[in-house]
Amino acid sequence: MLKLLPDLKDCDILADKAYGTKEIRTYLHDQSARYTIPPKVNTKQPWPFDKETYKRRNVIVRFFNRLKEFRRAETRYDKRDDSFLAFVMVAAICVAFGILHI
């Protein structure tokens, strides 16, 4: 499954506890990606992570939840990738400027 991911060299990855497996963290380390993933409570050897960076993750989550308010972006009615991407970009601009519906 991890081989399906694109090249993550020099990327910053923010993820929740579900993605904190040793396999995923090793893959990210081998790809030279920087990651912020908190360990699960029952982890025997917890790893350090930047708590302040992780707290700001909610901004990204809220942004994608706002994008889902646009039904066309959530359910993907477009057949072509470029049409879908264009609408997602328009929806992202609307979210950024506080315009809820187009």
N, C-alpha and C. Protein backbone atom coordinates (compact mmCIF):
# COMPACT_ATOMS: atom_id res chain seq x y z
N MET A 1 0.82 -1.19 0.00
CA MET A 1 0.00 0.00 0.00
C MET A 1 0.86 1.25 0.00
N LEU A 2 1.95 1.26 0.75
CA LEU A 2 2.79 2.45 0.84
C LEU A 2 3.46 2.79 -0.48
N LYS A 3 3.65 1.80 -1.33
CA LYS A 3 4.29 2.05 -2.61
C LYS A 3 3.39 2.86 -3.54
N LEU A 4 2.11 2.95 -3.23
CA LEU A 4 1.19 3.75 -4.04
C LEU A 4 1.35 5.24 -3.79
N LEU A 5 2.00 5.60 -2.69
CA LEU A 5 2.19 7.02 -2.37
C LEU A 5 3.21 7.64 -3.33
N PRO A 6 3.05 8.91 -3.64
CA PRO A 6 4.02 9.58 -4.51
C PRO A 6 5.34 9.79 -3.76
N ASP A 7 6.31 10.31 -4.46
CA ASP A 7 7.60 10.61 -3.86
C ASP A 7 7.40 11.69 -2.79
N LEU A 8 7.77 11.38 -1.57
CA LEU A 8 7.54 12.29 -0.45
C LEU A 8 8.81 12.98 0.02
N LYS A 9 9.82 13.02 -0.81
CA LYS A 9 11.10 13.60 -0.41
C LYS A 9 10.90 15.06 -0.01
N ASP A 10 11.40 15.39 1.15
CA ASP A 10 11.35 16.76 1.69
C ASP A 10 9.94 17.28 1.90
N CYS A 11 8.98 16.40 2.16
CA CYS A 11 7.60 16.81 2.45
C CYS A 11 7.38 16.87 3.95
N ASP A 12 6.42 17.67 4.35
CA ASP A 12 5.98 17.71 5.74
C ASP A 12 4.65 16.99 5.82
N ILE A 13 4.57 15.97 6.66
CA ILE A 13 3.36 15.16 6.78
C ILE A 13 2.76 15.39 8.16
N LEU A 14 1.48 15.75 8.20
CA LEU A 14 0.72 15.83 9.44
C LEU A 14 -0.33 14.73 9.41
N ALA A 15 -0.34 13.88 10.41
CA ALA A 15 -1.30 12.78 10.42
C ALA A 15 -1.74 12.51 11.85
N ASP A 16 -2.85 11.78 11.98
CA ASP A 16 -3.32 11.46 13.32
C ASP A 16 -2.72 10.13 13.78
N LYS A 17 -3.10 9.72 14.97
CA LYS A 17 -2.49 8.56 15.61
C LYS A 17 -2.65 7.26 14.83
N ALA A 18 -3.68 7.16 14.02
CA ALA A 18 -3.92 5.94 13.25
C ALA A 18 -2.79 5.66 12.26
N TYR A 19 -2.06 6.70 11.86
CA TYR A 19 -0.99 6.53 10.88
C TYR A 19 0.39 6.47 11.54
N GLY A 20 0.44 6.22 12.82
CA GLY A 20 1.70 6.18 13.54
C GLY A 20 2.33 4.81 13.62
N THR A 21 2.01 3.91 12.71
CA THR A 21 2.61 2.58 12.75
C THR A 21 4.09 2.66 12.41
N LYS A 22 4.83 1.68 12.87
CA LYS A 22 6.26 1.66 12.60
C LYS A 22 6.54 1.57 11.10
N GLU A 23 5.72 0.81 10.39
CA GLU A 23 5.90 0.66 8.95
C GLU A 23 5.77 2.02 8.24
N ILE A 24 4.77 2.78 8.59
CA ILE A 24 4.56 4.09 7.95
C ILE A 24 5.66 5.06 8.33
N ARG A 25 6.02 5.09 9.60
CA ARG A 25 7.07 6.02 10.03
C ARG A 25 8.42 5.67 9.39
N THR A 26 8.72 4.39 9.24
CA THR A 26 9.95 3.96 8.58
C THR A 26 9.94 4.38 7.12
N TYR A 27 8.80 4.19 6.47
CA TYR A 27 8.68 4.59 5.07
C TYR A 27 8.90 6.10 4.91
N LEU A 28 8.29 6.89 5.78
CA LEU A 28 8.45 8.34 5.71
C LEU A 28 9.90 8.74 5.97
N HIS A 29 10.53 8.08 6.92
CA HIS A 29 11.94 8.36 7.23
C HIS A 29 12.82 8.01 6.02
N ASP A 30 12.57 6.87 5.39
CA ASP A 30 13.34 6.47 4.22
C ASP A 30 13.14 7.42 3.05
N GLN A 31 11.99 8.06 2.99
CA GLN A 31 11.69 9.03 1.93
C GLN A 31 12.21 10.43 2.27
N SER A 32 12.85 10.59 3.41
CA SER A 32 13.34 11.89 3.89
C SER A 32 12.21 12.88 4.11
N ALA A 33 11.05 12.37 4.48
CA ALA A 33 9.91 13.23 4.77
C ALA A 33 9.89 13.55 6.27
N ARG A 34 9.53 14.76 6.60
CA ARG A 34 9.38 15.14 8.00
C ARG A 34 7.93 14.89 8.38
N TYR A 35 7.72 14.25 9.51
CA TYR A 35 6.34 13.92 9.89
C TYR A 35 6.05 14.35 11.31
N THR A 36 4.80 14.68 11.54
CA THR A 36 4.28 14.99 12.87
C THR A 36 3.09 14.08 13.09
N ILE A 37 3.36 12.99 13.79
CA ILE A 37 2.34 12.00 14.10
C ILE A 37 2.45 11.68 15.58
N PRO A 38 1.42 11.95 16.36
CA PRO A 38 1.51 11.63 17.79
C PRO A 38 1.42 10.12 18.01
N PRO A 39 2.12 9.61 19.01
CA PRO A 39 2.01 8.18 19.31
C PRO A 39 0.70 7.87 20.01
N LYS A 40 0.24 6.64 19.85
CA LYS A 40 -0.95 6.21 20.58
C LYS A 40 -0.63 6.14 22.07
N VAL A 41 -1.65 6.19 22.88
CA VAL A 41 -1.46 6.18 24.33
C VAL A 41 -0.79 4.90 24.79
N ASN A 42 -1.11 3.78 24.16
CA ASN A 42 -0.58 2.50 24.60
C ASN A 42 0.73 2.11 23.90
N THR A 43 1.39 3.04 23.23
CA THR A 43 2.66 2.75 22.57
C THR A 43 3.75 2.53 23.61
N LYS A 44 4.51 1.45 23.44
CA LYS A 44 5.54 1.11 24.43
C LYS A 44 6.75 2.03 24.33
N GLN A 45 7.10 2.45 23.12
CA GLN A 45 8.23 3.36 22.94
C GLN A 45 7.74 4.60 22.18
N PRO A 46 7.15 5.55 22.89
CA PRO A 46 6.64 6.74 22.20
C PRO A 46 7.78 7.57 21.61
N TRP A 47 7.53 8.19 20.49
CA TRP A 47 8.51 9.02 19.81
C TRP A 47 8.15 10.48 20.03
N PRO A 48 9.13 11.35 19.96
CA PRO A 48 8.82 12.78 20.14
C PRO A 48 8.11 13.34 18.91
N PHE A 49 7.24 14.32 19.13
CA PHE A 49 6.57 15.01 18.02
C PHE A 49 6.29 16.43 18.47
N ASP A 50 6.16 17.31 17.51
CA ASP A 50 5.94 18.73 17.78
C ASP A 50 4.46 18.97 18.07
N LYS A 51 4.14 19.20 19.32
CA LYS A 51 2.74 19.37 19.73
C LYS A 51 2.13 20.64 19.15
N GLU A 52 2.91 21.69 19.02
CA GLU A 52 2.38 22.95 18.48
C GLU A 52 2.01 22.80 17.00
N THR A 53 2.84 22.11 16.25
CA THR A 53 2.52 21.85 14.84
C THR A 53 1.28 21.01 14.73
N TYR A 54 1.15 19.99 15.57
CA TYR A 54 -0.01 19.11 15.51
C TYR A 54 -1.29 19.86 15.87
N LYS A 55 -1.21 20.82 16.78
CA LYS A 55 -2.39 21.59 17.15
C LYS A 55 -2.92 22.40 15.97
N ARG A 56 -2.02 22.81 15.08
CA ARG A 56 -2.43 23.61 13.91
C ARG A 56 -3.01 22.74 12.79
N ARG A 57 -2.97 21.43 12.96
CA ARG A 57 -3.52 20.51 11.97
C ARG A 57 -5.02 20.74 11.78
N ASN A 58 -5.68 21.21 12.81
CA ASN A 58 -7.14 21.41 12.72
C ASN A 58 -7.52 22.42 11.65
N VAL A 59 -6.63 23.34 11.31
CA VAL A 59 -6.92 24.32 10.26
C VAL A 59 -7.11 23.59 8.93
N ILE A 60 -6.28 22.61 8.66
CA ILE A 60 -6.38 21.84 7.42
C ILE A 60 -7.65 21.01 7.42
N VAL A 61 -7.94 20.36 8.54
CA VAL A 61 -9.14 19.52 8.64
C VAL A 61 -10.40 20.37 8.44
N ARG A 62 -10.44 21.53 9.07
CA ARG A 62 -11.61 22.40 8.92
C ARG A 62 -11.75 22.91 7.49
N PHE A 63 -10.63 23.18 6.82
CA PHE A 63 -10.67 23.62 5.42
C PHE A 63 -11.33 22.56 4.54
N PHE A 64 -10.92 21.30 4.70
CA PHE A 64 -11.51 20.24 3.88
C PHE A 64 -12.97 20.00 4.24
N ASN A 65 -13.33 20.19 5.49
CA ASN A 65 -14.74 20.08 5.85
C ASN A 65 -15.57 21.19 5.21
N ARG A 66 -15.00 22.37 5.11
CA ARG A 66 -15.70 23.48 4.43
C ARG A 66 -15.84 23.19 2.94
N LEU A 67 -14.82 22.56 2.33
CA LEU A 67 -14.91 22.19 0.92
C LEU A 67 -16.05 21.20 0.68
N LYS A 68 -16.31 20.35 1.66
CA LYS A 68 -17.36 19.35 1.52
C LYS A 68 -18.75 19.97 1.54
N GLU A 69 -18.87 21.24 1.90
CA GLU A 69 -20.15 21.92 1.83
C GLU A 69 -20.60 22.10 0.38
N PHE A 70 -19.65 22.03 -0.54
CA PHE A 70 -19.95 22.11 -1.96
C PHE A 70 -20.22 20.69 -2.44
N ARG A 71 -21.48 20.40 -2.68
CA ARG A 71 -21.89 19.04 -3.01
C ARG A 71 -21.16 18.49 -4.24
N ARG A 72 -20.95 19.34 -5.20
CA ARG A 72 -20.27 18.90 -6.42
C ARG A 72 -18.84 18.45 -6.14
N ALA A 73 -18.18 19.08 -5.19
CA ALA A 73 -16.82 18.68 -4.84
C ALA A 73 -16.82 17.41 -3.99
N GLU A 74 -17.82 17.25 -3.16
CA GLU A 74 -17.86 16.09 -2.27
C GLU A 74 -18.21 14.81 -3.01
N THR A 75 -19.17 14.87 -3.91
CA THR A 75 -19.65 13.65 -4.57
C THR A 75 -19.02 13.43 -5.94
N ARG A 76 -18.30 14.39 -6.45
CA ARG A 76 -17.61 14.32 -7.74
C ARG A 76 -18.53 13.89 -8.87
N TYR A 77 -19.28 14.84 -9.36
CA TYR A 77 -20.14 14.60 -10.51
C TYR A 77 -19.37 14.68 -11.83
N ASP A 78 -18.23 15.34 -11.82
CA ASP A 78 -17.45 15.54 -13.05
C ASP A 78 -16.79 14.23 -13.48
N LYS A 79 -16.82 13.96 -14.77
CA LYS A 79 -16.18 12.76 -15.28
C LYS A 79 -14.69 12.98 -15.52
N ARG A 80 -14.35 14.18 -15.93
CA ARG A 80 -12.95 14.45 -16.25
C ARG A 80 -12.21 15.01 -15.04
N ASP A 81 -10.97 14.59 -14.89
CA ASP A 81 -10.16 15.04 -13.76
C ASP A 81 -9.94 16.54 -13.78
N ASP A 82 -9.69 17.10 -14.96
CA ASP A 82 -9.41 18.54 -15.02
C ASP A 82 -10.64 19.37 -14.67
N SER A 83 -11.83 18.90 -15.02
CA SER A 83 -13.06 19.62 -14.65
C SER A 83 -13.27 19.58 -13.14
N PHE A 84 -13.03 18.42 -12.55
CA PHE A 84 -13.17 18.28 -11.11
C PHE A 84 -12.17 19.16 -10.37
N LEU A 85 -10.91 19.12 -10.83
CA LEU A 85 -9.88 19.94 -10.19
C LEU A 85 -10.20 21.42 -10.30
N ALA A 86 -10.72 21.84 -11.45
CA ALA A 86 -11.09 23.25 -11.62
C ALA A 86 -12.18 23.65 -10.64
N PHE A 87 -13.18 22.80 -10.45
CA PHE A 87 -14.24 23.15 -9.50
C PHE A 87 -13.70 23.16 -8.07
N VAL A 88 -12.84 22.21 -7.73
CA VAL A 88 -12.27 22.20 -6.38
C VAL A 88 -11.48 23.49 -6.14
N MET A 89 -10.77 23.96 -7.15
CA MET A 89 -10.03 25.22 -7.01
C MET A 89 -10.97 26.40 -6.80
N VAL A 90 -12.06 26.43 -7.54
CA VAL A 90 -13.06 27.49 -7.36
C VAL A 90 -13.66 27.41 -5.96
N ALA A 91 -13.98 26.20 -5.52
CA ALA A 91 -14.55 26.02 -4.18
C ALA A 91 -13.54 26.45 -3.11
N ALA A 92 -12.26 26.13 -3.32
CA ALA A 92 -11.23 26.53 -2.35
C ALA A 92 -11.12 28.05 -2.27
N ILE A 93 -11.23 28.72 -3.40
CA ILE A 93 -11.20 30.19 -3.40
C ILE A 93 -12.41 30.74 -2.65
N CYS A 94 -13.57 30.13 -2.88
CA CYS A 94 -14.78 30.57 -2.18
C CYS A 94 -14.64 30.38 -0.67
N VAL A 95 -14.06 29.26 -0.25
CA VAL A 95 -13.86 29.02 1.18
C VAL A 95 -12.87 30.04 1.74
N ALA A 96 -11.80 30.31 1.00
CA ALA A 96 -10.78 31.25 1.48
C ALA A 96 -11.34 32.66 1.64
N PHE A 97 -12.26 33.07 0.76
CA PHE A 97 -12.83 34.41 0.83
C PHE A 97 -14.15 34.47 1.58
N GLY A 98 -14.59 33.34 2.11
CA GLY A 98 -15.81 33.33 2.91
C GLY A 98 -17.10 33.31 2.13
N ILE A 99 -17.04 32.96 0.85
CA ILE A 99 -18.24 32.84 0.03
C ILE A 99 -18.70 31.40 0.15
N LEU A 100 -19.88 31.17 0.72
CA LEU A 100 -20.29 29.79 0.98
C LEU A 100 -20.88 29.09 -0.22
N HIS A 101 -21.64 29.75 -1.05
CA HIS A 101 -22.29 29.07 -2.17
C HIS A 101 -22.04 29.83 -3.46
N ILE A 102 -21.89 29.06 -4.54
CA ILE A 102 -21.69 29.69 -5.85
C ILE A 102 -22.81 29.28 -6.77
